[in-house]
Amino acid sequence: MTEVTDVWELPFKPNGLQAMPDGLWVLEEVAGGQTDDHVYKLSYDDGSMLDMVPIGLGHAGGMTVGGGYTWVASDYQIYKLDREGNILQRQISPGGLGAHGLEWIDENNMWVVDPGRFTVDLVDPATMAIKRSVPTPVGKKAHDMFIGDGAIWQGITRPDYGGGEIYKIDIEDGTVLDHIHIPEPEVHGLAGYDGRLWFCCTTTNRVCTVPMPS
């Protein structure tokens, strides 16, 4: 049985995560108890707020930071925002069937989860043109992801199966390298930090961790 550790219960609905060395970025899906429609950087130690960026986007389902900007997936589009929340770029999701998790790599590369096509797509952030695609392992709701240990770590929301699943996938051919069943809560946002997998649940507002497989 996977050991799930509760870290925080947030006053808003968390729907995307991005781990940074100095804090965990958390995407707020809808209006919450702090302010409306922001991403927040929280301290790993105690959950205190270190930073925040307004986004003004409802139903947001994934985020990443990179190049000095915040990138947010919302309503079949991907937005590039500055520190004040101004929209600098808006592109239709690469496959046209939606987008959830995002992972910035560099000025020329970003990974985007396409839940409609059951793929993770490597794209050009400037144009969202797809360079190549890696299949997600089950025909269920692929949500957030991150790149680590030379692999794609993909979160799957599966209330029919418990809270969800986390897969470690070969970044080249999609081979499943490892698999973790999360009994509860549901898996929405996903990130990796300090030897643990961090995930959040929009239904319960919980942020939890599980050990990262060695």
N, C-alpha and C. Protein backbone atom coordinates (compact mmCIF):
# COMPACT_ATOMS: atom_id res chain seq x y z
N MET A 1 0.85 -1.20 0.00
CA MET A 1 0.00 0.00 0.00
C MET A 1 0.88 1.25 0.00
N THR A 2 0.58 2.18 -0.89
CA THR A 2 1.34 3.42 -0.96
C THR A 2 1.08 4.28 0.27
N GLU A 3 2.16 4.77 0.87
CA GLU A 3 2.02 5.62 2.05
C GLU A 3 1.82 7.08 1.61
N VAL A 4 0.60 7.59 1.75
CA VAL A 4 0.26 8.96 1.39
C VAL A 4 0.35 9.84 2.63
N THR A 5 1.14 10.92 2.54
CA THR A 5 1.31 11.85 3.66
C THR A 5 0.61 13.16 3.33
N ASP A 6 -0.32 13.58 4.18
CA ASP A 6 -0.96 14.88 4.02
C ASP A 6 -0.01 15.98 4.45
N VAL A 7 0.15 17.00 3.62
CA VAL A 7 1.02 18.13 3.94
C VAL A 7 0.18 19.35 4.32
N TRP A 8 -0.75 19.74 3.44
CA TRP A 8 -1.61 20.90 3.72
C TRP A 8 -3.01 20.63 3.21
N GLU A 9 -3.97 21.35 3.81
CA GLU A 9 -5.31 21.51 3.21
C GLU A 9 -5.47 23.00 2.93
N LEU A 10 -5.56 23.36 1.67
CA LEU A 10 -5.52 24.76 1.26
C LEU A 10 -6.90 25.39 1.25
N PRO A 11 -6.98 26.73 1.37
CA PRO A 11 -8.27 27.42 1.35
C PRO A 11 -8.77 27.69 -0.07
N PHE A 12 -8.24 26.99 -1.05
CA PHE A 12 -8.68 27.13 -2.43
C PHE A 12 -8.49 25.79 -3.13
N LYS A 13 -8.97 25.69 -4.36
CA LYS A 13 -8.90 24.44 -5.11
C LYS A 13 -7.60 24.37 -5.90
N PRO A 14 -6.63 23.57 -5.46
CA PRO A 14 -5.36 23.48 -6.19
C PRO A 14 -5.49 22.50 -7.37
N ASN A 15 -5.01 22.93 -8.54
CA ASN A 15 -5.20 22.09 -9.72
C ASN A 15 -3.94 21.94 -10.58
N GLY A 16 -2.83 22.45 -10.09
CA GLY A 16 -1.57 22.29 -10.81
C GLY A 16 -0.42 22.66 -9.89
N LEU A 17 0.72 22.00 -10.06
CA LEU A 17 1.89 22.24 -9.23
C LEU A 17 3.14 22.42 -10.09
N GLN A 18 4.09 23.20 -9.56
CA GLN A 18 5.41 23.34 -10.17
C GLN A 18 6.42 23.45 -9.04
N ALA A 19 7.30 22.48 -8.91
CA ALA A 19 8.30 22.50 -7.85
C ALA A 19 9.51 23.31 -8.28
N MET A 20 9.93 24.23 -7.43
CA MET A 20 11.14 25.01 -7.61
C MET A 20 12.01 24.84 -6.37
N PRO A 21 13.32 25.09 -6.45
CA PRO A 21 14.17 24.90 -5.28
C PRO A 21 13.74 25.72 -4.07
N ASP A 22 13.15 26.89 -4.30
CA ASP A 22 12.81 27.78 -3.18
C ASP A 22 11.34 27.77 -2.82
N GLY A 23 10.52 26.90 -3.41
CA GLY A 23 9.12 26.86 -3.06
C GLY A 23 8.29 26.11 -4.09
N LEU A 24 7.06 25.79 -3.70
CA LEU A 24 6.15 25.03 -4.55
C LEU A 24 5.08 25.97 -5.11
N TRP A 25 5.06 26.12 -6.44
CA TRP A 25 4.00 26.89 -7.08
C TRP A 25 2.73 26.06 -7.14
N VAL A 26 1.61 26.67 -6.75
CA VAL A 26 0.31 25.99 -6.72
C VAL A 26 -0.68 26.82 -7.52
N LEU A 27 -1.31 26.18 -8.48
CA LEU A 27 -2.31 26.85 -9.31
C LEU A 27 -3.68 26.76 -8.65
N GLU A 28 -4.34 27.90 -8.54
CA GLU A 28 -5.70 27.95 -8.02
C GLU A 28 -6.67 27.85 -9.18
N GLU A 29 -7.55 26.86 -9.12
CA GLU A 29 -8.48 26.64 -10.24
C GLU A 29 -9.58 27.69 -10.30
N VAL A 30 -10.23 27.96 -9.17
CA VAL A 30 -11.34 28.91 -9.13
C VAL A 30 -11.18 29.78 -7.89
N ALA A 31 -12.15 30.68 -7.67
CA ALA A 31 -12.08 31.61 -6.55
C ALA A 31 -11.87 30.87 -5.23
N GLY A 32 -10.99 31.40 -4.40
CA GLY A 32 -10.69 30.75 -3.13
C GLY A 32 -10.67 31.73 -1.98
N GLY A 33 -10.15 31.28 -0.84
CA GLY A 33 -10.22 32.08 0.37
C GLY A 33 -9.16 33.16 0.47
N GLN A 34 -8.09 33.10 -0.35
CA GLN A 34 -7.05 34.13 -0.26
C GLN A 34 -7.40 35.27 -1.21
N THR A 35 -7.25 35.05 -2.49
CA THR A 35 -7.70 36.00 -3.50
C THR A 35 -8.15 35.17 -4.68
N ASP A 36 -8.68 35.76 -5.71
CA ASP A 36 -9.23 35.01 -6.82
C ASP A 36 -8.20 34.80 -7.92
N ASP A 37 -8.17 33.57 -8.47
CA ASP A 37 -7.45 33.27 -9.70
C ASP A 37 -5.99 33.70 -9.68
N HIS A 38 -5.21 33.04 -8.86
CA HIS A 38 -3.78 33.29 -8.76
C HIS A 38 -3.01 31.97 -8.82
N VAL A 39 -1.72 32.08 -9.02
CA VAL A 39 -0.81 30.99 -8.66
C VAL A 39 -0.01 31.49 -7.47
N TYR A 40 0.22 30.59 -6.51
CA TYR A 40 0.90 30.94 -5.27
C TYR A 40 2.17 30.11 -5.13
N LYS A 41 3.24 30.74 -4.69
CA LYS A 41 4.43 30.00 -4.31
C LYS A 41 4.40 29.82 -2.80
N LEU A 42 4.43 28.56 -2.35
CA LEU A 42 4.32 28.24 -0.93
C LEU A 42 5.62 27.62 -0.42
N SER A 43 5.92 27.91 0.85
CA SER A 43 7.09 27.33 1.49
C SER A 43 6.89 25.84 1.72
N TYR A 44 7.91 25.03 1.37
CA TYR A 44 7.83 23.61 1.65
C TYR A 44 7.75 23.34 3.16
N ASP A 45 8.31 24.22 3.95
CA ASP A 45 8.40 23.98 5.39
C ASP A 45 7.05 24.08 6.09
N ASP A 46 6.32 25.16 5.80
CA ASP A 46 5.08 25.40 6.56
C ASP A 46 3.89 25.84 5.70
N GLY A 47 4.05 25.89 4.39
CA GLY A 47 2.94 26.29 3.53
C GLY A 47 2.69 27.79 3.47
N SER A 48 3.55 28.58 4.11
CA SER A 48 3.34 30.04 4.07
C SER A 48 3.56 30.56 2.65
N MET A 49 2.85 31.65 2.31
CA MET A 49 2.90 32.18 0.96
C MET A 49 4.16 33.03 0.77
N LEU A 50 4.96 32.69 -0.22
CA LEU A 50 6.19 33.40 -0.53
C LEU A 50 6.03 34.37 -1.69
N ASP A 51 5.09 34.07 -2.58
CA ASP A 51 4.92 34.88 -3.78
C ASP A 51 3.58 34.53 -4.40
N MET A 52 3.08 35.40 -5.28
CA MET A 52 1.87 35.07 -6.01
C MET A 52 1.83 35.89 -7.29
N VAL A 53 1.16 35.32 -8.30
CA VAL A 53 0.99 35.98 -9.59
C VAL A 53 -0.48 35.87 -9.97
N PRO A 54 -1.14 36.99 -10.30
CA PRO A 54 -2.54 36.91 -10.73
C PRO A 54 -2.63 36.30 -12.12
N ILE A 55 -3.68 35.51 -12.35
CA ILE A 55 -3.87 34.95 -13.69
C ILE A 55 -5.23 35.30 -14.28
N GLY A 56 -6.26 35.45 -13.43
CA GLY A 56 -7.57 35.86 -13.93
C GLY A 56 -8.19 34.88 -14.90
N LEU A 57 -7.89 33.59 -14.76
CA LEU A 57 -8.39 32.58 -15.69
C LEU A 57 -9.15 31.52 -14.90
N GLY A 58 -10.42 31.34 -15.19
CA GLY A 58 -11.18 30.29 -14.55
C GLY A 58 -10.91 28.94 -15.18
N HIS A 59 -11.17 27.86 -14.44
CA HIS A 59 -11.02 26.49 -14.93
C HIS A 59 -9.60 26.19 -15.39
N ALA A 60 -8.62 26.81 -14.78
CA ALA A 60 -7.23 26.55 -15.14
C ALA A 60 -6.84 25.15 -14.67
N GLY A 61 -6.09 24.42 -15.53
CA GLY A 61 -5.81 23.03 -15.22
C GLY A 61 -4.35 22.64 -15.25
N GLY A 62 -3.44 23.59 -15.42
CA GLY A 62 -2.03 23.26 -15.42
C GLY A 62 -1.20 24.52 -15.50
N MET A 63 0.03 24.47 -14.96
CA MET A 63 0.89 25.65 -15.00
C MET A 63 2.34 25.24 -14.95
N THR A 64 3.20 26.16 -15.41
CA THR A 64 4.63 26.04 -15.24
C THR A 64 5.22 27.44 -15.23
N VAL A 65 6.43 27.56 -14.78
CA VAL A 65 7.13 28.85 -14.82
C VAL A 65 8.43 28.64 -15.59
N GLY A 66 8.80 29.66 -16.38
CA GLY A 66 10.03 29.57 -17.14
C GLY A 66 10.22 30.77 -18.03
N GLY A 67 11.48 31.14 -18.22
CA GLY A 67 11.79 32.28 -19.06
C GLY A 67 11.35 33.60 -18.47
N GLY A 68 11.09 33.63 -17.16
CA GLY A 68 10.60 34.84 -16.52
C GLY A 68 9.10 35.02 -16.62
N TYR A 69 8.38 33.98 -17.03
CA TYR A 69 6.93 34.08 -17.24
C TYR A 69 6.21 32.93 -16.55
N THR A 70 4.90 33.12 -16.39
CA THR A 70 4.02 32.06 -15.92
C THR A 70 3.20 31.58 -17.10
N TRP A 71 3.12 30.27 -17.27
CA TRP A 71 2.36 29.66 -18.36
C TRP A 71 1.21 28.87 -17.75
N VAL A 72 0.00 29.09 -18.25
CA VAL A 72 -1.19 28.47 -17.66
C VAL A 72 -2.05 27.86 -18.77
N ALA A 73 -2.50 26.63 -18.54
CA ALA A 73 -3.45 25.99 -19.44
C ALA A 73 -4.87 26.22 -18.91
N SER A 74 -5.75 26.73 -19.76
CA SER A 74 -7.12 27.03 -19.34
C SER A 74 -8.03 27.03 -20.55
N ASP A 75 -9.12 26.26 -20.47
CA ASP A 75 -10.15 26.27 -21.51
C ASP A 75 -9.58 26.09 -22.92
N TYR A 76 -8.82 25.02 -23.11
CA TYR A 76 -8.30 24.64 -24.43
C TYR A 76 -7.27 25.63 -24.99
N GLN A 77 -6.74 26.49 -24.12
CA GLN A 77 -5.73 27.44 -24.55
C GLN A 77 -4.59 27.48 -23.54
N ILE A 78 -3.42 27.93 -24.01
CA ILE A 78 -2.26 28.09 -23.14
C ILE A 78 -1.85 29.56 -23.16
N TYR A 79 -1.73 30.13 -21.96
CA TYR A 79 -1.46 31.55 -21.80
C TYR A 79 -0.06 31.77 -21.25
N LYS A 80 0.60 32.80 -21.76
CA LYS A 80 1.88 33.27 -21.24
C LYS A 80 1.62 34.60 -20.56
N LEU A 81 1.96 34.70 -19.26
CA LEU A 81 1.65 35.89 -18.48
C LEU A 81 2.91 36.46 -17.85
N ASP A 82 2.92 37.78 -17.67
CA ASP A 82 4.03 38.41 -16.96
C ASP A 82 3.74 38.44 -15.47
N ARG A 83 4.62 39.07 -14.70
CA ARG A 83 4.50 39.09 -13.24
C ARG A 83 3.22 39.75 -12.76
N GLU A 84 2.66 40.66 -13.55
CA GLU A 84 1.44 41.36 -13.17
C GLU A 84 0.18 40.66 -13.67
N GLY A 85 0.35 39.54 -14.35
CA GLY A 85 -0.79 38.81 -14.85
C GLY A 85 -1.26 39.25 -16.23
N ASN A 86 -0.50 40.11 -16.89
CA ASN A 86 -0.87 40.53 -18.24
C ASN A 86 -0.63 39.39 -19.22
N ILE A 87 -1.59 39.16 -20.09
CA ILE A 87 -1.47 38.09 -21.08
C ILE A 87 -0.59 38.57 -22.23
N LEU A 88 0.55 37.91 -22.42
CA LEU A 88 1.49 38.27 -23.48
C LEU A 88 1.33 37.39 -24.71
N GLN A 89 0.77 36.20 -24.52
CA GLN A 89 0.60 35.27 -25.62
C GLN A 89 -0.55 34.32 -25.28
N ARG A 90 -1.35 34.01 -26.28
CA ARG A 90 -2.43 33.03 -26.08
C ARG A 90 -2.48 32.14 -27.32
N GLN A 91 -2.37 30.84 -27.08
CA GLN A 91 -2.34 29.88 -28.18
C GLN A 91 -3.34 28.76 -27.90
N ILE A 92 -3.99 28.26 -28.95
CA ILE A 92 -4.82 27.08 -28.82
C ILE A 92 -3.93 25.90 -28.42
N SER A 93 -4.45 25.03 -27.57
CA SER A 93 -3.67 23.87 -27.13
C SER A 93 -3.16 23.10 -28.34
N PRO A 94 -1.95 22.54 -28.25
CA PRO A 94 -1.27 22.01 -29.43
C PRO A 94 -2.07 21.00 -30.24
N GLY A 95 -2.73 20.05 -29.57
CA GLY A 95 -3.48 19.04 -30.30
C GLY A 95 -4.92 19.42 -30.56
N GLY A 96 -5.35 20.57 -30.01
CA GLY A 96 -6.71 21.03 -30.21
C GLY A 96 -7.76 20.37 -29.35
N LEU A 97 -7.33 19.45 -28.44
CA LEU A 97 -8.28 18.72 -27.61
C LEU A 97 -8.06 18.99 -26.13
N GLY A 98 -7.47 20.13 -25.81
CA GLY A 98 -7.28 20.50 -24.43
C GLY A 98 -5.84 20.38 -23.97
N ALA A 99 -5.58 20.88 -22.77
CA ALA A 99 -4.25 20.81 -22.17
C ALA A 99 -4.41 20.82 -20.66
N HIS A 100 -3.55 20.05 -20.00
CA HIS A 100 -3.52 20.06 -18.53
C HIS A 100 -2.11 20.43 -18.07
N GLY A 101 -1.31 19.43 -17.73
CA GLY A 101 0.01 19.71 -17.19
C GLY A 101 0.94 20.36 -18.20
N LEU A 102 1.78 21.27 -17.70
CA LEU A 102 2.79 21.95 -18.50
C LEU A 102 4.13 21.82 -17.80
N GLU A 103 5.21 21.73 -18.59
CA GLU A 103 6.56 21.69 -18.02
C GLU A 103 7.51 22.44 -18.94
N TRP A 104 7.94 23.63 -18.49
CA TRP A 104 8.90 24.44 -19.22
C TRP A 104 10.28 23.78 -19.17
N ILE A 105 10.96 23.71 -20.32
CA ILE A 105 12.32 23.20 -20.38
C ILE A 105 13.29 24.34 -20.70
N ASP A 106 13.07 25.02 -21.83
CA ASP A 106 13.88 26.17 -22.21
C ASP A 106 13.10 26.98 -23.24
N GLU A 107 13.74 27.99 -23.83
CA GLU A 107 13.05 28.89 -24.74
C GLU A 107 12.47 28.18 -25.96
N ASN A 108 12.98 27.00 -26.25
CA ASN A 108 12.54 26.28 -27.45
C ASN A 108 11.70 25.03 -27.16
N ASN A 109 11.55 24.69 -25.89
CA ASN A 109 10.92 23.41 -25.56
C ASN A 109 10.02 23.51 -24.33
N MET A 110 8.83 22.97 -24.46
CA MET A 110 7.88 22.84 -23.36
C MET A 110 7.08 21.56 -23.57
N TRP A 111 6.82 20.84 -22.48
CA TRP A 111 5.97 19.66 -22.55
C TRP A 111 4.54 20.04 -22.15
N VAL A 112 3.57 19.49 -22.87
CA VAL A 112 2.16 19.78 -22.65
C VAL A 112 1.38 18.46 -22.63
N VAL A 113 0.60 18.25 -21.59
CA VAL A 113 -0.28 17.07 -21.53
C VAL A 113 -1.54 17.35 -22.34
N ASP A 114 -1.84 16.47 -23.29
CA ASP A 114 -3.06 16.55 -24.08
C ASP A 114 -4.00 15.43 -23.62
N PRO A 115 -4.98 15.74 -22.74
CA PRO A 115 -5.84 14.68 -22.21
C PRO A 115 -6.79 14.10 -23.25
N GLY A 116 -7.07 14.86 -24.30
CA GLY A 116 -7.97 14.38 -25.34
C GLY A 116 -7.33 13.38 -26.27
N ARG A 117 -6.02 13.52 -26.52
CA ARG A 117 -5.29 12.63 -27.42
C ARG A 117 -4.49 11.59 -26.66
N PHE A 118 -4.49 11.65 -25.31
CA PHE A 118 -3.75 10.72 -24.47
C PHE A 118 -2.27 10.73 -24.80
N THR A 119 -1.71 11.95 -24.89
CA THR A 119 -0.29 12.12 -25.19
C THR A 119 0.29 13.22 -24.32
N VAL A 120 1.62 13.21 -24.23
CA VAL A 120 2.38 14.35 -23.72
C VAL A 120 3.20 14.85 -24.90
N ASP A 121 3.02 16.11 -25.25
CA ASP A 121 3.61 16.67 -26.46
C ASP A 121 4.76 17.61 -26.15
N LEU A 122 5.88 17.44 -26.82
CA LEU A 122 6.98 18.40 -26.76
C LEU A 122 6.72 19.46 -27.81
N VAL A 123 6.62 20.73 -27.39
CA VAL A 123 6.23 21.79 -28.30
C VAL A 123 7.22 22.94 -28.25
N ASP A 124 7.12 23.81 -29.25
CA ASP A 124 7.82 25.10 -29.26
C ASP A 124 6.93 26.09 -28.52
N PRO A 125 7.36 26.65 -27.38
CA PRO A 125 6.49 27.54 -26.61
C PRO A 125 5.99 28.76 -27.40
N ALA A 126 6.76 29.21 -28.37
CA ALA A 126 6.37 30.40 -29.12
C ALA A 126 5.21 30.14 -30.07
N THR A 127 5.12 28.94 -30.59
CA THR A 127 4.11 28.63 -31.59
C THR A 127 3.17 27.50 -31.18
N MET A 128 3.54 26.72 -30.16
CA MET A 128 2.83 25.51 -29.74
C MET A 128 2.84 24.44 -30.81
N ALA A 129 3.73 24.54 -31.78
CA ALA A 129 3.88 23.48 -32.78
C ALA A 129 4.46 22.24 -32.12
N ILE A 130 3.86 21.08 -32.39
CA ILE A 130 4.28 19.83 -31.79
C ILE A 130 5.53 19.29 -32.48
N LYS A 131 6.56 19.01 -31.69
CA LYS A 131 7.79 18.42 -32.21
C LYS A 131 7.73 16.90 -32.19
N ARG A 132 7.21 16.33 -31.11
CA ARG A 132 6.99 14.90 -31.02
C ARG A 132 6.05 14.64 -29.85
N SER A 133 5.49 13.43 -29.81
CA SER A 133 4.52 13.07 -28.78
C SER A 133 4.89 11.75 -28.14
N VAL A 134 4.58 11.63 -26.85
CA VAL A 134 4.78 10.41 -26.08
C VAL A 134 3.41 9.99 -25.55
N PRO A 135 2.99 8.73 -25.73
CA PRO A 135 1.67 8.32 -25.27
C PRO A 135 1.58 8.22 -23.75
N THR A 136 0.42 8.60 -23.20
CA THR A 136 0.16 8.34 -21.79
C THR A 136 -0.35 6.91 -21.67
N PRO A 137 -0.17 6.27 -20.50
CA PRO A 137 -0.32 4.81 -20.45
C PRO A 137 -1.73 4.27 -20.37
N VAL A 138 -2.70 5.08 -20.02
CA VAL A 138 -4.07 4.57 -19.94
C VAL A 138 -5.01 5.59 -20.57
N GLY A 139 -6.12 5.10 -21.09
CA GLY A 139 -7.09 6.00 -21.72
C GLY A 139 -7.99 6.66 -20.70
N LYS A 140 -7.37 7.27 -19.71
CA LYS A 140 -8.11 7.98 -18.67
C LYS A 140 -7.61 9.42 -18.63
N LYS A 141 -8.04 10.15 -17.63
CA LYS A 141 -7.77 11.58 -17.59
C LYS A 141 -6.34 11.87 -17.15
N ALA A 142 -5.45 12.02 -18.13
CA ALA A 142 -4.08 12.44 -17.83
C ALA A 142 -4.10 13.88 -17.36
N HIS A 143 -3.49 14.17 -16.23
CA HIS A 143 -3.54 15.52 -15.67
C HIS A 143 -2.15 16.13 -15.66
N ASP A 144 -1.60 16.41 -14.50
CA ASP A 144 -0.33 17.13 -14.43
C ASP A 144 0.84 16.18 -14.63
N MET A 145 2.01 16.74 -14.89
CA MET A 145 3.22 15.96 -15.12
C MET A 145 4.44 16.81 -14.81
N PHE A 146 5.60 16.14 -14.71
CA PHE A 146 6.87 16.86 -14.64
C PHE A 146 7.95 15.95 -15.22
N ILE A 147 9.08 16.55 -15.53
CA ILE A 147 10.22 15.81 -16.05
C ILE A 147 11.25 15.64 -14.93
N GLY A 148 11.69 14.42 -14.70
CA GLY A 148 12.68 14.15 -13.68
C GLY A 148 13.31 12.79 -13.87
N ASP A 149 14.57 12.66 -13.52
CA ASP A 149 15.30 11.40 -13.63
C ASP A 149 15.26 10.89 -15.08
N GLY A 150 15.29 11.83 -16.03
CA GLY A 150 15.30 11.46 -17.44
C GLY A 150 14.01 10.84 -17.93
N ALA A 151 12.91 11.08 -17.21
CA ALA A 151 11.64 10.46 -17.56
C ALA A 151 10.50 11.46 -17.39
N ILE A 152 9.35 11.09 -17.95
CA ILE A 152 8.10 11.83 -17.72
C ILE A 152 7.38 11.17 -16.55
N TRP A 153 7.02 11.97 -15.56
CA TRP A 153 6.18 11.50 -14.46
C TRP A 153 4.77 12.03 -14.71
N GLN A 154 3.84 11.12 -14.97
CA GLN A 154 2.50 11.50 -15.39
C GLN A 154 1.47 11.14 -14.33
N GLY A 155 0.67 12.13 -13.93
CA GLY A 155 -0.43 11.89 -13.01
C GLY A 155 -1.71 11.58 -13.77
N ILE A 156 -2.45 10.60 -13.30
CA ILE A 156 -3.72 10.20 -13.90
C ILE A 156 -4.80 10.31 -12.83
N THR A 157 -5.86 11.06 -13.11
CA THR A 157 -7.00 11.17 -12.21
C THR A 157 -7.95 10.01 -12.48
N ARG A 158 -8.16 9.15 -11.45
CA ARG A 158 -9.00 7.97 -11.65
C ARG A 158 -9.87 7.71 -10.43
N PRO A 159 -10.95 8.48 -10.25
CA PRO A 159 -11.83 8.22 -9.11
C PRO A 159 -12.47 6.84 -9.14
N ASP A 160 -12.51 6.20 -10.33
CA ASP A 160 -13.07 4.85 -10.44
C ASP A 160 -12.12 3.79 -9.88
N TYR A 161 -10.86 4.19 -9.68
CA TYR A 161 -9.80 3.24 -9.31
C TYR A 161 -9.19 3.62 -7.96
N GLY A 162 -9.78 4.58 -7.30
CA GLY A 162 -9.18 5.19 -6.13
C GLY A 162 -8.88 6.63 -6.48
N GLY A 163 -7.88 7.19 -5.89
CA GLY A 163 -7.55 8.59 -6.17
C GLY A 163 -6.91 8.80 -7.52
N GLY A 164 -6.09 7.84 -7.94
CA GLY A 164 -5.43 8.00 -9.22
C GLY A 164 -4.17 7.16 -9.32
N GLU A 165 -3.36 7.50 -10.29
CA GLU A 165 -2.13 6.78 -10.55
C GLU A 165 -1.04 7.77 -10.94
N ILE A 166 0.19 7.38 -10.67
CA ILE A 166 1.36 8.14 -11.12
C ILE A 166 2.25 7.16 -11.87
N TYR A 167 2.58 7.52 -13.11
CA TYR A 167 3.42 6.68 -13.95
C TYR A 167 4.75 7.37 -14.22
N LYS A 168 5.81 6.60 -14.21
CA LYS A 168 7.10 7.04 -14.71
C LYS A 168 7.26 6.45 -16.11
N ILE A 169 7.42 7.32 -17.11
CA ILE A 169 7.36 6.92 -18.50
C ILE A 169 8.67 7.27 -19.19
N ASP A 170 9.17 6.36 -20.00
CA ASP A 170 10.36 6.64 -20.80
C ASP A 170 10.09 7.83 -21.71
N ILE A 171 10.96 8.82 -21.66
CA ILE A 171 10.74 10.07 -22.37
C ILE A 171 10.89 9.92 -23.89
N GLU A 172 11.46 8.82 -24.32
CA GLU A 172 11.66 8.61 -25.75
C GLU A 172 10.53 7.81 -26.39
N ASP A 173 10.12 6.71 -25.75
CA ASP A 173 9.17 5.82 -26.43
C ASP A 173 7.89 5.54 -25.64
N GLY A 174 7.76 6.11 -24.44
CA GLY A 174 6.53 5.92 -23.68
C GLY A 174 6.46 4.64 -22.88
N THR A 175 7.54 3.86 -22.84
CA THR A 175 7.54 2.64 -22.03
C THR A 175 7.31 2.98 -20.56
N VAL A 176 6.42 2.24 -19.90
CA VAL A 176 6.16 2.45 -18.48
C VAL A 176 7.31 1.86 -17.67
N LEU A 177 7.98 2.72 -16.89
CA LEU A 177 9.13 2.31 -16.09
C LEU A 177 8.75 2.03 -14.65
N ASP A 178 7.70 2.69 -14.17
CA ASP A 178 7.24 2.49 -12.80
C ASP A 178 5.80 2.98 -12.71
N HIS A 179 5.11 2.51 -11.66
CA HIS A 179 3.69 2.84 -11.51
C HIS A 179 3.35 2.85 -10.02
N ILE A 180 2.64 3.89 -9.60
CA ILE A 180 2.20 4.01 -8.21
C ILE A 180 0.69 4.19 -8.21
N HIS A 181 -0.02 3.37 -7.45
CA HIS A 181 -1.46 3.55 -7.27
C HIS A 181 -1.68 4.43 -6.04
N ILE A 182 -2.43 5.52 -6.22
CA ILE A 182 -2.78 6.42 -5.11
C ILE A 182 -4.20 6.10 -4.69
N PRO A 183 -4.41 5.53 -3.50
CA PRO A 183 -5.77 5.15 -3.09
C PRO A 183 -6.70 6.34 -2.89
N GLU A 184 -6.17 7.41 -2.38
CA GLU A 184 -6.90 8.68 -2.23
C GLU A 184 -5.92 9.70 -1.65
N PRO A 185 -6.16 11.02 -1.88
CA PRO A 185 -7.24 11.60 -2.66
C PRO A 185 -6.93 11.54 -4.16
N GLU A 186 -7.75 12.23 -4.97
CA GLU A 186 -7.55 12.24 -6.41
C GLU A 186 -6.24 12.95 -6.78
N VAL A 187 -5.64 12.52 -7.86
CA VAL A 187 -4.40 13.11 -8.35
C VAL A 187 -4.73 14.14 -9.42
N HIS A 188 -4.42 15.41 -9.15
CA HIS A 188 -4.61 16.48 -10.12
C HIS A 188 -3.25 17.10 -10.44
N GLY A 189 -2.76 18.04 -9.62
CA GLY A 189 -1.41 18.56 -9.83
C GLY A 189 -0.36 17.56 -9.40
N LEU A 190 0.84 17.64 -10.03
CA LEU A 190 1.92 16.71 -9.71
C LEU A 190 3.27 17.40 -9.88
N ALA A 191 4.17 17.16 -8.93
CA ALA A 191 5.52 17.72 -8.99
C ALA A 191 6.45 16.80 -8.21
N GLY A 192 7.75 16.98 -8.41
CA GLY A 192 8.73 16.21 -7.67
C GLY A 192 9.70 17.12 -6.96
N TYR A 193 9.97 16.83 -5.67
CA TYR A 193 10.92 17.64 -4.91
C TYR A 193 11.46 16.83 -3.75
N ASP A 194 12.77 16.85 -3.55
CA ASP A 194 13.44 16.30 -2.39
C ASP A 194 13.08 14.83 -2.15
N GLY A 195 13.09 14.05 -3.22
CA GLY A 195 12.86 12.63 -3.09
C GLY A 195 11.43 12.21 -2.90
N ARG A 196 10.49 13.15 -3.07
CA ARG A 196 9.08 12.80 -2.90
C ARG A 196 8.27 13.34 -4.08
N LEU A 197 7.18 12.65 -4.37
CA LEU A 197 6.20 13.11 -5.35
C LEU A 197 5.13 13.91 -4.62
N TRP A 198 4.92 15.14 -5.05
CA TRP A 198 3.91 16.01 -4.47
C TRP A 198 2.71 16.03 -5.41
N PHE A 199 1.51 15.87 -4.86
CA PHE A 199 0.31 15.98 -5.70
C PHE A 199 -0.79 16.69 -4.93
N CYS A 200 -1.73 17.25 -5.68
CA CYS A 200 -2.83 17.98 -5.05
C CYS A 200 -4.15 17.49 -5.61
N CYS A 201 -5.20 17.70 -4.83
CA CYS A 201 -6.54 17.24 -5.16
C CYS A 201 -7.49 18.42 -5.16
N THR A 202 -8.11 18.70 -6.29
CA THR A 202 -9.05 19.82 -6.41
C THR A 202 -10.33 19.57 -5.62
N THR A 203 -10.70 18.31 -5.45
CA THR A 203 -11.95 17.98 -4.77
C THR A 203 -11.86 18.23 -3.26
N THR A 204 -10.71 17.91 -2.66
CA THR A 204 -10.56 18.01 -1.21
C THR A 204 -9.67 19.17 -0.77
N ASN A 205 -9.01 19.86 -1.72
CA ASN A 205 -8.07 20.95 -1.42
C ASN A 205 -6.79 20.47 -0.75
N ARG A 206 -6.53 19.17 -0.78
CA ARG A 206 -5.36 18.61 -0.09
C ARG A 206 -4.12 18.62 -0.98
N VAL A 207 -2.97 18.85 -0.36
CA VAL A 207 -1.67 18.64 -0.97
C VAL A 207 -0.99 17.52 -0.20
N CYS A 208 -0.53 16.49 -0.93
CA CYS A 208 0.02 15.30 -0.30
C CYS A 208 1.33 14.92 -0.95
N THR A 209 2.05 14.00 -0.31
CA THR A 209 3.28 13.47 -0.91
C THR A 209 3.28 11.95 -0.77
N VAL A 210 4.05 11.33 -1.65
CA VAL A 210 4.39 9.90 -1.55
C VAL A 210 5.87 9.78 -1.86
N PRO A 211 6.53 8.76 -1.36
CA PRO A 211 7.95 8.59 -1.69
C PRO A 211 8.15 8.39 -3.18
N MET A 212 9.21 8.99 -3.72
CA MET A 212 9.56 8.78 -5.12
C MET A 212 10.31 7.45 -5.23
N PRO A 213 9.89 6.58 -6.13
CA PRO A 213 10.59 5.29 -6.27
C PRO A 213 12.06 5.50 -6.61
N SER A 214 12.93 4.67 -6.05
CA SER A 214 14.35 4.78 -6.31
C SER A 214 14.69 4.12 -7.63
